[in-house]
Amino acid sequence: MSGRTDSRRRLLALLVGLVVLAGSLMLRLSWWQIAQHDVLAAEARAQTTLRLQIPAQRGDIYDRTGTVVLATTIDHYRLAAAPNMLAAAQIPDEADRLISILGLDAAGARTLRDGLASDRPYVVLATGLAEATAQQLRTDLADGKLSELSLETEPVRELLARAQPPGRRVLRDGRRPPTTRPRGGSSRRGRRPGWGR
């Protein structure tokens, strides 16, 4: 007959091992939750939070009849670059390409080259770009001819009534606005304002 296999010494060693294991787990968990709380919370916020600023779109302004557009918002574009991400060999080719697309003079070309040669993470290269120029830049970015650039929308308020003569004003439905004439087809001479027709 064999003797008992469960000795007090084994049970005590097993108990001590479990206590040490539980204690080390508790210490490690408390280190993550207490000592590293701020770091972990910041990392979690950075992974789940995206701050996006969307400019408000202003509506069109019409005349009193509601047919003639007096003012509207037109999107222009801002060209920005990340020069610190460009390789030194890329800068001359990229600068030449941008100068030809933007049609810059000597001073503008010098400013653009200085901006691309800097080591800053964000540089505004041009503002107020029209849609046609922005489309050409988008095409070159998609084709890989340009890199490390971004186009940002700049809403610009355009006053159409002052910019265009009365015969060329824009209507909602595409027609020209009617010329203004007194109502009733007759002259109002001799009548007091606000009294009858």
N, C-alpha and C. Protein backbone atom coordinates (compact mmCIF):
# COMPACT_ATOMS: atom_id res chain seq x y z
N MET A 1 0.84 -1.16 0.00
CA MET A 1 0.00 0.00 0.00
C MET A 1 0.89 1.23 0.00
N SER A 2 0.52 2.16 -0.84
CA SER A 2 1.35 3.34 -0.97
C SER A 2 0.90 4.40 0.04
N GLY A 3 1.82 5.32 0.36
CA GLY A 3 1.52 6.37 1.34
C GLY A 3 0.75 7.53 0.70
N ARG A 4 0.37 8.47 1.50
CA ARG A 4 -0.38 9.64 1.02
C ARG A 4 0.52 10.55 0.19
N THR A 5 -0.02 11.06 -0.89
CA THR A 5 0.76 11.91 -1.77
C THR A 5 0.57 13.39 -1.47
N ASP A 6 -0.43 13.74 -0.70
CA ASP A 6 -0.67 15.14 -0.39
C ASP A 6 0.00 15.50 0.93
N SER A 7 1.08 16.14 0.84
CA SER A 7 1.78 16.52 2.06
C SER A 7 1.52 17.99 2.33
N ARG A 8 1.71 18.35 3.58
CA ARG A 8 1.52 19.75 3.96
C ARG A 8 2.54 20.65 3.27
N ARG A 9 3.72 20.15 3.05
CA ARG A 9 4.75 20.95 2.42
C ARG A 9 4.36 21.31 0.97
N ARG A 10 3.83 20.37 0.25
CA ARG A 10 3.40 20.64 -1.13
C ARG A 10 2.26 21.64 -1.17
N LEU A 11 1.29 21.50 -0.32
CA LEU A 11 0.16 22.42 -0.27
C LEU A 11 0.64 23.83 0.08
N LEU A 12 1.56 23.92 1.02
CA LEU A 12 2.08 25.22 1.41
C LEU A 12 2.87 25.86 0.26
N ALA A 13 3.66 25.07 -0.47
CA ALA A 13 4.41 25.60 -1.61
C ALA A 13 3.45 26.05 -2.72
N LEU A 14 2.42 25.26 -2.95
CA LEU A 14 1.43 25.64 -3.96
C LEU A 14 0.71 26.93 -3.57
N LEU A 15 0.35 27.05 -2.30
CA LEU A 15 -0.32 28.25 -1.80
C LEU A 15 0.60 29.48 -1.93
N VAL A 16 1.86 29.33 -1.57
CA VAL A 16 2.81 30.44 -1.67
C VAL A 16 3.00 30.83 -3.15
N GLY A 17 3.08 29.87 -4.04
CA GLY A 17 3.22 30.15 -5.47
C GLY A 17 2.02 30.91 -6.02
N LEU A 18 0.81 30.49 -5.63
CA LEU A 18 -0.40 31.18 -6.08
C LEU A 18 -0.47 32.60 -5.52
N VAL A 19 -0.06 32.79 -4.27
CA VAL A 19 -0.08 34.13 -3.67
C VAL A 19 0.92 35.04 -4.38
N VAL A 20 2.11 34.51 -4.67
CA VAL A 20 3.13 35.31 -5.38
C VAL A 20 2.63 35.67 -6.78
N LEU A 21 2.03 34.70 -7.48
CA LEU A 21 1.50 34.96 -8.82
C LEU A 21 0.38 36.00 -8.77
N ALA A 22 -0.56 35.87 -7.84
CA ALA A 22 -1.65 36.83 -7.71
C ALA A 22 -1.12 38.20 -7.33
N GLY A 23 -0.14 38.24 -6.45
CA GLY A 23 0.45 39.52 -6.04
C GLY A 23 1.16 40.21 -7.20
N SER A 24 1.90 39.45 -8.00
CA SER A 24 2.59 40.06 -9.14
C SER A 24 1.59 40.57 -10.17
N LEU A 25 0.50 39.83 -10.39
CA LEU A 25 -0.54 40.30 -11.30
C LEU A 25 -1.19 41.58 -10.78
N MET A 26 -1.46 41.63 -9.47
CA MET A 26 -2.06 42.82 -8.89
C MET A 26 -1.12 44.03 -9.00
N LEU A 27 0.18 43.81 -8.76
CA LEU A 27 1.15 44.90 -8.88
C LEU A 27 1.23 45.40 -10.33
N ARG A 28 1.24 44.49 -11.26
CA ARG A 28 1.31 44.88 -12.67
C ARG A 28 0.06 45.63 -13.11
N LEU A 29 -1.10 45.14 -12.72
CA LEU A 29 -2.35 45.81 -13.06
C LEU A 29 -2.43 47.20 -12.42
N SER A 30 -2.01 47.30 -11.17
CA SER A 30 -2.04 48.61 -10.51
C SER A 30 -1.05 49.56 -11.17
N TRP A 31 0.08 49.07 -11.65
CA TRP A 31 1.03 49.92 -12.36
C TRP A 31 0.42 50.48 -13.64
N TRP A 32 -0.30 49.64 -14.41
CA TRP A 32 -0.94 50.10 -15.64
C TRP A 32 -2.08 51.07 -15.35
N GLN A 33 -2.88 50.76 -14.32
CA GLN A 33 -4.06 51.58 -14.07
C GLN A 33 -3.77 52.86 -13.29
N ILE A 34 -2.75 52.87 -12.47
CA ILE A 34 -2.47 54.05 -11.66
C ILE A 34 -1.31 54.86 -12.24
N ALA A 35 -0.16 54.22 -12.40
CA ALA A 35 1.02 54.94 -12.85
C ALA A 35 0.93 55.34 -14.32
N GLN A 36 0.37 54.51 -15.17
CA GLN A 36 0.31 54.79 -16.60
C GLN A 36 -1.07 55.27 -17.06
N HIS A 37 -1.92 55.68 -16.14
CA HIS A 37 -3.28 56.07 -16.49
C HIS A 37 -3.33 57.20 -17.51
N ASP A 38 -2.59 58.29 -17.27
CA ASP A 38 -2.64 59.45 -18.16
C ASP A 38 -2.14 59.12 -19.56
N VAL A 39 -1.08 58.35 -19.65
CA VAL A 39 -0.51 57.98 -20.95
C VAL A 39 -1.49 57.13 -21.74
N LEU A 40 -2.05 56.12 -21.08
CA LEU A 40 -3.00 55.24 -21.77
C LEU A 40 -4.28 55.97 -22.17
N ALA A 41 -4.76 56.87 -21.31
CA ALA A 41 -5.97 57.63 -21.64
C ALA A 41 -5.72 58.54 -22.84
N ALA A 42 -4.54 59.16 -22.91
CA ALA A 42 -4.21 60.03 -24.06
C ALA A 42 -4.11 59.22 -25.34
N GLU A 43 -3.51 58.04 -25.28
CA GLU A 43 -3.43 57.18 -26.46
C GLU A 43 -4.81 56.74 -26.92
N ALA A 44 -5.69 56.42 -25.99
CA ALA A 44 -7.05 56.00 -26.35
C ALA A 44 -7.81 57.15 -27.00
N ARG A 45 -7.68 58.37 -26.45
CA ARG A 45 -8.34 59.52 -27.05
C ARG A 45 -7.80 59.80 -28.45
N ALA A 46 -6.49 59.65 -28.63
CA ALA A 46 -5.89 59.91 -29.95
C ALA A 46 -6.38 58.91 -30.99
N GLN A 47 -6.68 57.70 -30.58
CA GLN A 47 -7.14 56.68 -31.52
C GLN A 47 -8.60 56.83 -31.87
N THR A 48 -9.39 57.41 -30.99
CA THR A 48 -10.83 57.45 -31.22
C THR A 48 -11.38 58.83 -31.51
N THR A 49 -10.58 59.88 -31.34
CA THR A 49 -11.07 61.24 -31.52
C THR A 49 -10.41 61.87 -32.73
N LEU A 50 -11.22 62.46 -33.57
CA LEU A 50 -10.72 63.19 -34.74
C LEU A 50 -11.33 64.58 -34.71
N ARG A 51 -10.50 65.59 -34.61
CA ARG A 51 -10.99 66.97 -34.60
C ARG A 51 -10.99 67.49 -36.03
N LEU A 52 -12.17 67.82 -36.52
CA LEU A 52 -12.33 68.28 -37.90
C LEU A 52 -13.09 69.58 -37.87
N GLN A 53 -12.49 70.62 -38.41
CA GLN A 53 -13.12 71.93 -38.43
C GLN A 53 -13.72 72.16 -39.81
N ILE A 54 -15.04 72.28 -39.85
CA ILE A 54 -15.76 72.48 -41.11
C ILE A 54 -16.27 73.92 -41.14
N PRO A 55 -15.82 74.71 -42.10
CA PRO A 55 -16.31 76.09 -42.16
C PRO A 55 -17.79 76.12 -42.54
N ALA A 56 -18.50 77.07 -41.97
CA ALA A 56 -19.93 77.20 -42.25
C ALA A 56 -20.13 77.66 -43.69
N GLN A 57 -21.08 77.07 -44.36
CA GLN A 57 -21.40 77.45 -45.74
C GLN A 57 -22.47 78.53 -45.69
N ARG A 58 -22.14 79.68 -46.18
CA ARG A 58 -23.10 80.77 -46.20
C ARG A 58 -24.02 80.62 -47.39
N GLY A 59 -25.26 81.00 -47.21
CA GLY A 59 -26.24 80.88 -48.28
C GLY A 59 -26.16 82.02 -49.28
N ASP A 60 -26.88 81.86 -50.38
CA ASP A 60 -26.93 82.90 -51.40
C ASP A 60 -27.85 84.02 -50.93
N ILE A 61 -27.57 85.21 -51.41
CA ILE A 61 -28.42 86.37 -51.12
C ILE A 61 -29.09 86.78 -52.43
N TYR A 62 -30.43 86.88 -52.38
CA TYR A 62 -31.21 87.23 -53.57
C TYR A 62 -31.82 88.61 -53.40
N ASP A 63 -32.26 89.19 -54.49
CA ASP A 63 -32.93 90.49 -54.40
C ASP A 63 -34.33 90.28 -53.84
N ARG A 64 -35.10 91.35 -53.76
CA ARG A 64 -36.42 91.26 -53.12
C ARG A 64 -37.40 90.37 -53.87
N THR A 65 -37.17 90.14 -55.17
CA THR A 65 -38.07 89.27 -55.91
C THR A 65 -37.69 87.80 -55.77
N GLY A 66 -36.49 87.55 -55.27
CA GLY A 66 -36.05 86.17 -55.08
C GLY A 66 -35.51 85.51 -56.33
N THR A 67 -35.23 86.27 -57.37
CA THR A 67 -34.75 85.68 -58.61
C THR A 67 -33.32 86.05 -58.94
N VAL A 68 -32.85 87.21 -58.53
CA VAL A 68 -31.51 87.68 -58.89
C VAL A 68 -30.55 87.37 -57.74
N VAL A 69 -29.47 86.66 -58.04
CA VAL A 69 -28.46 86.37 -57.03
C VAL A 69 -27.59 87.59 -56.86
N LEU A 70 -27.59 88.15 -55.66
CA LEU A 70 -26.77 89.33 -55.38
C LEU A 70 -25.40 88.95 -54.83
N ALA A 71 -25.35 87.89 -54.03
CA ALA A 71 -24.08 87.44 -53.45
C ALA A 71 -24.13 85.93 -53.25
N THR A 72 -23.00 85.30 -53.42
CA THR A 72 -22.91 83.85 -53.24
C THR A 72 -21.52 83.50 -52.68
N THR A 73 -21.35 82.26 -52.27
CA THR A 73 -20.07 81.81 -51.77
C THR A 73 -19.42 80.91 -52.82
N ILE A 74 -18.18 81.22 -53.16
CA ILE A 74 -17.43 80.45 -54.15
C ILE A 74 -16.23 79.83 -53.45
N ASP A 75 -15.97 78.58 -53.76
CA ASP A 75 -14.82 77.91 -53.16
C ASP A 75 -13.55 78.23 -53.92
N HIS A 76 -12.58 78.79 -53.21
CA HIS A 76 -11.22 78.93 -53.71
C HIS A 76 -10.38 77.96 -52.90
N TYR A 77 -9.14 77.78 -53.27
CA TYR A 77 -8.32 76.76 -52.62
C TYR A 77 -6.99 77.32 -52.14
N ARG A 78 -6.50 76.73 -51.06
CA ARG A 78 -5.20 77.06 -50.48
C ARG A 78 -4.30 75.85 -50.69
N LEU A 79 -3.09 76.08 -51.22
CA LEU A 79 -2.13 75.01 -51.44
C LEU A 79 -1.14 75.01 -50.30
N ALA A 80 -1.05 73.89 -49.59
CA ALA A 80 -0.12 73.74 -48.47
C ALA A 80 0.79 72.56 -48.73
N ALA A 81 1.96 72.60 -48.11
CA ALA A 81 2.94 71.52 -48.30
C ALA A 81 3.51 71.10 -46.96
N ALA A 82 4.08 69.91 -46.95
CA ALA A 82 4.82 69.39 -45.80
C ALA A 82 6.28 69.24 -46.24
N PRO A 83 7.05 70.34 -46.24
CA PRO A 83 8.41 70.28 -46.78
C PRO A 83 9.34 69.35 -46.02
N ASN A 84 9.08 69.13 -44.75
CA ASN A 84 9.96 68.23 -43.99
C ASN A 84 9.83 66.78 -44.44
N MET A 85 8.80 66.46 -45.21
CA MET A 85 8.60 65.10 -45.71
C MET A 85 9.20 64.91 -47.11
N LEU A 86 9.63 66.00 -47.76
CA LEU A 86 10.19 65.92 -49.11
C LEU A 86 11.68 65.58 -49.06
N ALA A 87 12.11 64.74 -49.98
CA ALA A 87 13.54 64.46 -50.12
C ALA A 87 14.18 65.66 -50.83
N ALA A 88 15.46 65.89 -50.54
CA ALA A 88 16.15 67.04 -51.14
C ALA A 88 16.17 66.96 -52.66
N ALA A 89 16.22 65.76 -53.22
CA ALA A 89 16.25 65.60 -54.67
C ALA A 89 14.90 65.93 -55.31
N GLN A 90 13.80 65.81 -54.55
CA GLN A 90 12.46 66.07 -55.08
C GLN A 90 12.17 67.56 -55.20
N ILE A 91 12.77 68.37 -54.36
CA ILE A 91 12.38 69.78 -54.22
C ILE A 91 12.50 70.56 -55.53
N PRO A 92 13.62 70.49 -56.28
CA PRO A 92 13.69 71.30 -57.52
C PRO A 92 12.63 70.92 -58.56
N ASP A 93 12.41 69.62 -58.76
CA ASP A 93 11.40 69.20 -59.74
C ASP A 93 10.00 69.62 -59.32
N GLU A 94 9.71 69.42 -58.04
CA GLU A 94 8.38 69.79 -57.53
C GLU A 94 8.17 71.30 -57.61
N ALA A 95 9.21 72.07 -57.28
CA ALA A 95 9.10 73.54 -57.36
C ALA A 95 8.88 73.98 -58.80
N ASP A 96 9.62 73.43 -59.75
CA ASP A 96 9.44 73.80 -61.16
C ASP A 96 8.04 73.47 -61.64
N ARG A 97 7.53 72.32 -61.26
CA ARG A 97 6.18 71.91 -61.67
C ARG A 97 5.13 72.86 -61.09
N LEU A 98 5.27 73.19 -59.81
CA LEU A 98 4.31 74.10 -59.17
C LEU A 98 4.37 75.50 -59.76
N ILE A 99 5.57 75.97 -60.06
CA ILE A 99 5.72 77.31 -60.64
C ILE A 99 5.03 77.38 -62.00
N SER A 100 5.15 76.32 -62.80
CA SER A 100 4.49 76.33 -64.11
C SER A 100 2.97 76.24 -63.98
N ILE A 101 2.47 75.44 -63.03
CA ILE A 101 1.02 75.31 -62.86
C ILE A 101 0.43 76.61 -62.32
N LEU A 102 1.10 77.22 -61.33
CA LEU A 102 0.57 78.42 -60.70
C LEU A 102 0.85 79.69 -61.50
N GLY A 103 1.78 79.61 -62.47
CA GLY A 103 2.11 80.78 -63.29
C GLY A 103 2.74 81.89 -62.47
N LEU A 104 3.72 81.57 -61.65
CA LEU A 104 4.33 82.55 -60.75
C LEU A 104 5.40 83.37 -61.44
N ASP A 105 5.57 84.61 -60.98
CA ASP A 105 6.66 85.45 -61.46
C ASP A 105 7.93 85.11 -60.66
N ALA A 106 9.01 85.86 -60.87
CA ALA A 106 10.29 85.55 -60.23
C ALA A 106 10.20 85.64 -58.71
N ALA A 107 9.53 86.66 -58.19
CA ALA A 107 9.42 86.82 -56.74
C ALA A 107 8.58 85.69 -56.14
N GLY A 108 7.47 85.36 -56.79
CA GLY A 108 6.62 84.27 -56.31
C GLY A 108 7.34 82.94 -56.37
N ALA A 109 8.13 82.73 -57.43
CA ALA A 109 8.89 81.48 -57.57
C ALA A 109 9.94 81.37 -56.46
N ARG A 110 10.58 82.48 -56.11
CA ARG A 110 11.58 82.47 -55.05
C ARG A 110 10.93 82.13 -53.70
N THR A 111 9.76 82.73 -53.44
CA THR A 111 9.03 82.46 -52.20
C THR A 111 8.62 80.99 -52.12
N LEU A 112 8.14 80.44 -53.24
CA LEU A 112 7.72 79.04 -53.27
C LEU A 112 8.92 78.11 -53.04
N ARG A 113 10.05 78.40 -53.67
CA ARG A 113 11.25 77.57 -53.47
C ARG A 113 11.74 77.64 -52.02
N ASP A 114 11.69 78.84 -51.42
CA ASP A 114 12.09 78.97 -50.02
C ASP A 114 11.16 78.17 -49.11
N GLY A 115 9.86 78.20 -49.41
CA GLY A 115 8.90 77.44 -48.61
C GLY A 115 9.13 75.94 -48.70
N LEU A 116 9.41 75.45 -49.91
CA LEU A 116 9.66 74.01 -50.08
C LEU A 116 11.01 73.58 -49.49
N ALA A 117 11.97 74.50 -49.41
CA ALA A 117 13.29 74.16 -48.88
C ALA A 117 13.33 74.19 -47.35
N SER A 118 12.29 74.73 -46.72
CA SER A 118 12.30 74.80 -45.25
C SER A 118 12.08 73.41 -44.66
N ASP A 119 12.34 73.28 -43.36
CA ASP A 119 12.16 71.99 -42.70
C ASP A 119 10.92 72.00 -41.80
N ARG A 120 10.01 72.91 -42.07
CA ARG A 120 8.79 72.99 -41.27
C ARG A 120 7.79 71.91 -41.72
N PRO A 121 6.90 71.50 -40.82
CA PRO A 121 5.92 70.46 -41.19
C PRO A 121 4.73 70.99 -41.99
N TYR A 122 4.50 72.31 -42.00
CA TYR A 122 3.34 72.86 -42.71
C TYR A 122 3.69 74.25 -43.23
N VAL A 123 3.55 74.43 -44.55
CA VAL A 123 3.83 75.72 -45.18
C VAL A 123 2.73 75.99 -46.19
N VAL A 124 2.14 77.18 -46.15
CA VAL A 124 1.15 77.59 -47.15
C VAL A 124 1.92 78.16 -48.33
N LEU A 125 1.72 77.56 -49.50
CA LEU A 125 2.45 77.98 -50.70
C LEU A 125 1.66 78.97 -51.54
N ALA A 126 0.34 78.83 -51.62
CA ALA A 126 -0.48 79.73 -52.43
C ALA A 126 -1.90 79.75 -51.88
N THR A 127 -2.57 80.89 -52.03
CA THR A 127 -3.96 81.02 -51.60
C THR A 127 -4.79 81.58 -52.74
N GLY A 128 -6.10 81.42 -52.63
CA GLY A 128 -7.02 81.98 -53.63
C GLY A 128 -6.96 81.29 -54.98
N LEU A 129 -6.66 80.00 -55.01
CA LEU A 129 -6.56 79.28 -56.28
C LEU A 129 -7.94 78.97 -56.83
N ALA A 130 -8.11 79.11 -58.12
CA ALA A 130 -9.39 78.83 -58.78
C ALA A 130 -9.57 77.31 -58.94
N GLU A 131 -10.78 76.91 -59.30
CA GLU A 131 -11.11 75.49 -59.44
C GLU A 131 -10.28 74.81 -60.52
N ALA A 132 -10.00 75.49 -61.64
CA ALA A 132 -9.23 74.87 -62.73
C ALA A 132 -7.81 74.56 -62.27
N THR A 133 -7.18 75.48 -61.56
CA THR A 133 -5.84 75.25 -61.05
C THR A 133 -5.85 74.13 -60.01
N ALA A 134 -6.85 74.14 -59.14
CA ALA A 134 -6.96 73.10 -58.12
C ALA A 134 -7.15 71.73 -58.77
N GLN A 135 -7.92 71.66 -59.84
CA GLN A 135 -8.14 70.38 -60.52
C GLN A 135 -6.84 69.87 -61.15
N GLN A 136 -6.05 70.77 -61.72
CA GLN A 136 -4.77 70.36 -62.30
C GLN A 136 -3.82 69.85 -61.21
N LEU A 137 -3.83 70.51 -60.06
CA LEU A 137 -3.00 70.05 -58.94
C LEU A 137 -3.47 68.68 -58.44
N ARG A 138 -4.79 68.49 -58.35
CA ARG A 138 -5.33 67.18 -57.93
C ARG A 138 -4.90 66.07 -58.89
N THR A 139 -4.95 66.37 -60.19
CA THR A 139 -4.55 65.39 -61.20
C THR A 139 -3.08 65.02 -61.05
N ASP A 140 -2.23 66.02 -60.87
CA ASP A 140 -0.79 65.76 -60.71
C ASP A 140 -0.49 65.00 -59.42
N LEU A 141 -1.25 65.29 -58.37
CA LEU A 141 -1.08 64.55 -57.11
C LEU A 141 -1.49 63.09 -57.29
N ALA A 142 -2.59 62.87 -58.00
CA ALA A 142 -3.07 61.50 -58.23
C ALA A 142 -2.10 60.72 -59.13
N ASP A 143 -1.48 61.40 -60.10
CA ASP A 143 -0.54 60.75 -61.01
C ASP A 143 0.84 60.55 -60.40
N GLY A 144 1.10 61.15 -59.24
CA GLY A 144 2.39 61.01 -58.59
C GLY A 144 3.44 62.00 -59.07
N LYS A 145 3.02 62.99 -59.86
CA LYS A 145 3.97 64.01 -60.32
C LYS A 145 4.30 64.99 -59.21
N LEU A 146 3.39 65.15 -58.27
CA LEU A 146 3.59 66.00 -57.10
C LEU A 146 3.31 65.17 -55.85
N SER A 147 3.97 65.52 -54.74
CA SER A 147 3.73 64.79 -53.50
C SER A 147 3.86 65.73 -52.31
N GLU A 148 3.36 65.28 -51.18
CA GLU A 148 3.40 66.00 -49.91
C GLU A 148 2.74 67.37 -49.98
N LEU A 149 1.66 67.46 -50.78
CA LEU A 149 0.89 68.69 -50.91
C LEU A 149 -0.55 68.42 -50.51
N SER A 150 -1.25 69.47 -50.09
CA SER A 150 -2.67 69.33 -49.80
C SER A 150 -3.41 70.58 -50.28
N LEU A 151 -4.62 70.38 -50.75
CA LEU A 151 -5.49 71.47 -51.16
C LEU A 151 -6.57 71.63 -50.10
N GLU A 152 -6.68 72.84 -49.57
CA GLU A 152 -7.66 73.12 -48.53
C GLU A 152 -8.67 74.13 -49.07
N THR A 153 -9.93 73.93 -48.78
CA THR A 153 -10.99 74.80 -49.28
C THR A 153 -11.02 76.11 -48.51
N GLU A 154 -11.15 77.21 -49.25
CA GLU A 154 -11.31 78.54 -48.67
C GLU A 154 -12.59 79.14 -49.23
N PRO A 155 -13.69 79.18 -48.46
CA PRO A 155 -14.90 79.81 -48.98
C PRO A 155 -14.71 81.33 -49.08
N VAL A 156 -15.06 81.90 -50.23
CA VAL A 156 -14.91 83.34 -50.47
C VAL A 156 -16.27 83.90 -50.86
N ARG A 157 -16.65 84.99 -50.23
CA ARG A 157 -17.93 85.64 -50.54
C ARG A 157 -17.77 86.48 -51.80
N GLU A 158 -18.64 86.26 -52.77
CA GLU A 158 -18.58 86.96 -54.05
C GLU A 158 -19.85 87.80 -54.19
N LEU A 159 -19.69 89.10 -54.39
CA LEU A 159 -20.83 89.99 -54.61
C LEU A 159 -21.06 90.13 -56.10
N LEU A 160 -22.08 89.46 -56.61
CA LEU A 160 -22.32 89.42 -58.04
C LEU A 160 -23.00 90.67 -58.57
N ALA A 161 -23.81 91.33 -57.77
CA ALA A 161 -24.58 92.48 -58.25
C ALA A 161 -23.65 93.62 -58.61
N ARG A 162 -22.57 93.81 -57.88
CA ARG A 162 -21.65 94.89 -58.18
C ARG A 162 -20.70 94.51 -59.30
N ALA A 163 -20.38 93.24 -59.39
CA ALA A 163 -19.38 92.80 -60.36
C ALA A 163 -19.95 92.73 -61.77
N GLN A 164 -21.26 92.58 -61.92
CA GLN A 164 -21.84 92.40 -63.24
C GLN A 164 -22.82 93.53 -63.54
N PRO A 165 -22.86 93.98 -64.78
CA PRO A 165 -23.86 94.98 -65.14
C PRO A 165 -25.26 94.38 -65.07
N PRO A 166 -26.31 95.21 -64.94
CA PRO A 166 -27.66 94.69 -64.74
C PRO A 166 -28.12 93.71 -65.80
N GLY A 167 -27.71 93.83 -67.05
CA GLY A 167 -28.16 92.92 -68.09
C GLY A 167 -27.53 91.55 -68.02
N ARG A 168 -26.49 91.36 -67.19
CA ARG A 168 -25.78 90.08 -67.13
C ARG A 168 -25.95 89.39 -65.78
N ARG A 169 -26.84 89.83 -64.94
CA ARG A 169 -27.01 89.22 -63.63
C ARG A 169 -27.49 87.79 -63.74
N VAL A 170 -27.18 87.00 -62.73
CA VAL A 170 -27.49 85.58 -62.73
C VAL A 170 -28.85 85.35 -62.08
N LEU A 171 -29.66 84.50 -62.68
CA LEU A 171 -30.95 84.13 -62.10
C LEU A 171 -30.91 82.69 -61.64
N ARG A 172 -31.82 82.35 -60.72
CA ARG A 172 -31.90 80.97 -60.23
C ARG A 172 -32.18 79.99 -61.36
N ASP A 173 -33.10 80.33 -62.23
CA ASP A 173 -33.49 79.41 -63.29
C ASP A 173 -32.72 79.64 -64.60
N GLY A 174 -31.70 80.49 -64.60
CA GLY A 174 -30.87 80.70 -65.77
C GLY A 174 -31.33 81.81 -66.69
N ARG A 175 -32.51 82.41 -66.42
CA ARG A 175 -33.00 83.49 -67.27
C ARG A 175 -32.39 84.81 -66.83
N ARG A 176 -32.48 85.81 -67.72
CA ARG A 176 -32.05 87.16 -67.35
C ARG A 176 -33.16 87.83 -66.56
N PRO A 177 -32.79 88.70 -65.62
CA PRO A 177 -33.84 89.35 -64.81
C PRO A 177 -34.62 90.35 -65.65
N PRO A 178 -35.89 90.56 -65.31
CA PRO A 178 -36.67 91.56 -66.04
C PRO A 178 -36.16 92.96 -65.69
N THR A 179 -36.31 93.86 -66.64
CA THR A 179 -35.94 95.25 -66.35
C THR A 179 -36.98 95.82 -65.41
N THR A 180 -36.57 96.68 -64.52
CA THR A 180 -37.50 97.23 -63.53
C THR A 180 -38.31 98.35 -64.14
N ARG A 181 -39.64 98.24 -64.03
CA ARG A 181 -40.56 99.27 -64.51
C ARG A 181 -41.58 99.52 -63.41
N PRO A 182 -42.16 100.67 -63.37
CA PRO A 182 -43.20 100.91 -62.37
C PRO A 182 -44.38 99.97 -62.60
N ARG A 183 -44.99 99.52 -61.53
CA ARG A 183 -46.15 98.63 -61.65
C ARG A 183 -47.34 99.39 -62.23
N GLY A 184 -48.15 98.69 -62.96
CA GLY A 184 -49.34 99.29 -63.55
C GLY A 184 -49.07 99.94 -64.90
N GLY A 185 -47.81 100.02 -65.28
CA GLY A 185 -47.48 100.55 -66.59
C GLY A 185 -47.61 102.05 -66.73
N SER A 186 -47.95 102.76 -65.68
CA SER A 186 -48.10 104.20 -65.82
C SER A 186 -47.11 104.91 -64.92
N SER A 187 -46.93 106.16 -65.22
CA SER A 187 -46.04 106.97 -64.41
C SER A 187 -46.73 107.33 -63.12
N ARG A 188 -45.98 107.52 -62.07
CA ARG A 188 -46.56 107.84 -60.77
C ARG A 188 -46.40 109.31 -60.44
N ARG A 189 -46.17 110.10 -61.42
CA ARG A 189 -46.01 111.52 -61.16
C ARG A 189 -47.29 112.12 -60.59
N GLY A 190 -47.13 112.97 -59.65
CA GLY A 190 -48.28 113.66 -59.11
C GLY A 190 -48.97 112.90 -57.98
N ARG A 191 -48.59 111.69 -57.71
CA ARG A 191 -49.21 110.94 -56.63
C ARG A 191 -48.32 110.95 -55.41
N ARG A 192 -48.93 110.91 -54.26
CA ARG A 192 -48.15 110.82 -53.04
C ARG A 192 -47.70 109.39 -52.82
N PRO A 193 -46.49 109.23 -52.30
CA PRO A 193 -46.00 107.87 -52.08
C PRO A 193 -46.91 107.10 -51.14
N GLY A 194 -47.21 105.85 -51.51
CA GLY A 194 -48.00 104.97 -50.65
C GLY A 194 -49.50 105.14 -50.81
N TRP A 195 -49.99 106.07 -51.66
CA TRP A 195 -51.42 106.28 -51.83
C TRP A 195 -51.90 105.65 -53.11
N GLY A 196 -52.55 104.53 -53.02
CA GLY A 196 -53.18 103.90 -54.18
C GLY A 196 -52.20 103.55 -55.28
N ARG A 197 -52.76 103.25 -56.44
CA ARG A 197 -51.92 102.87 -57.59
C ARG A 197 -51.96 103.91 -58.58
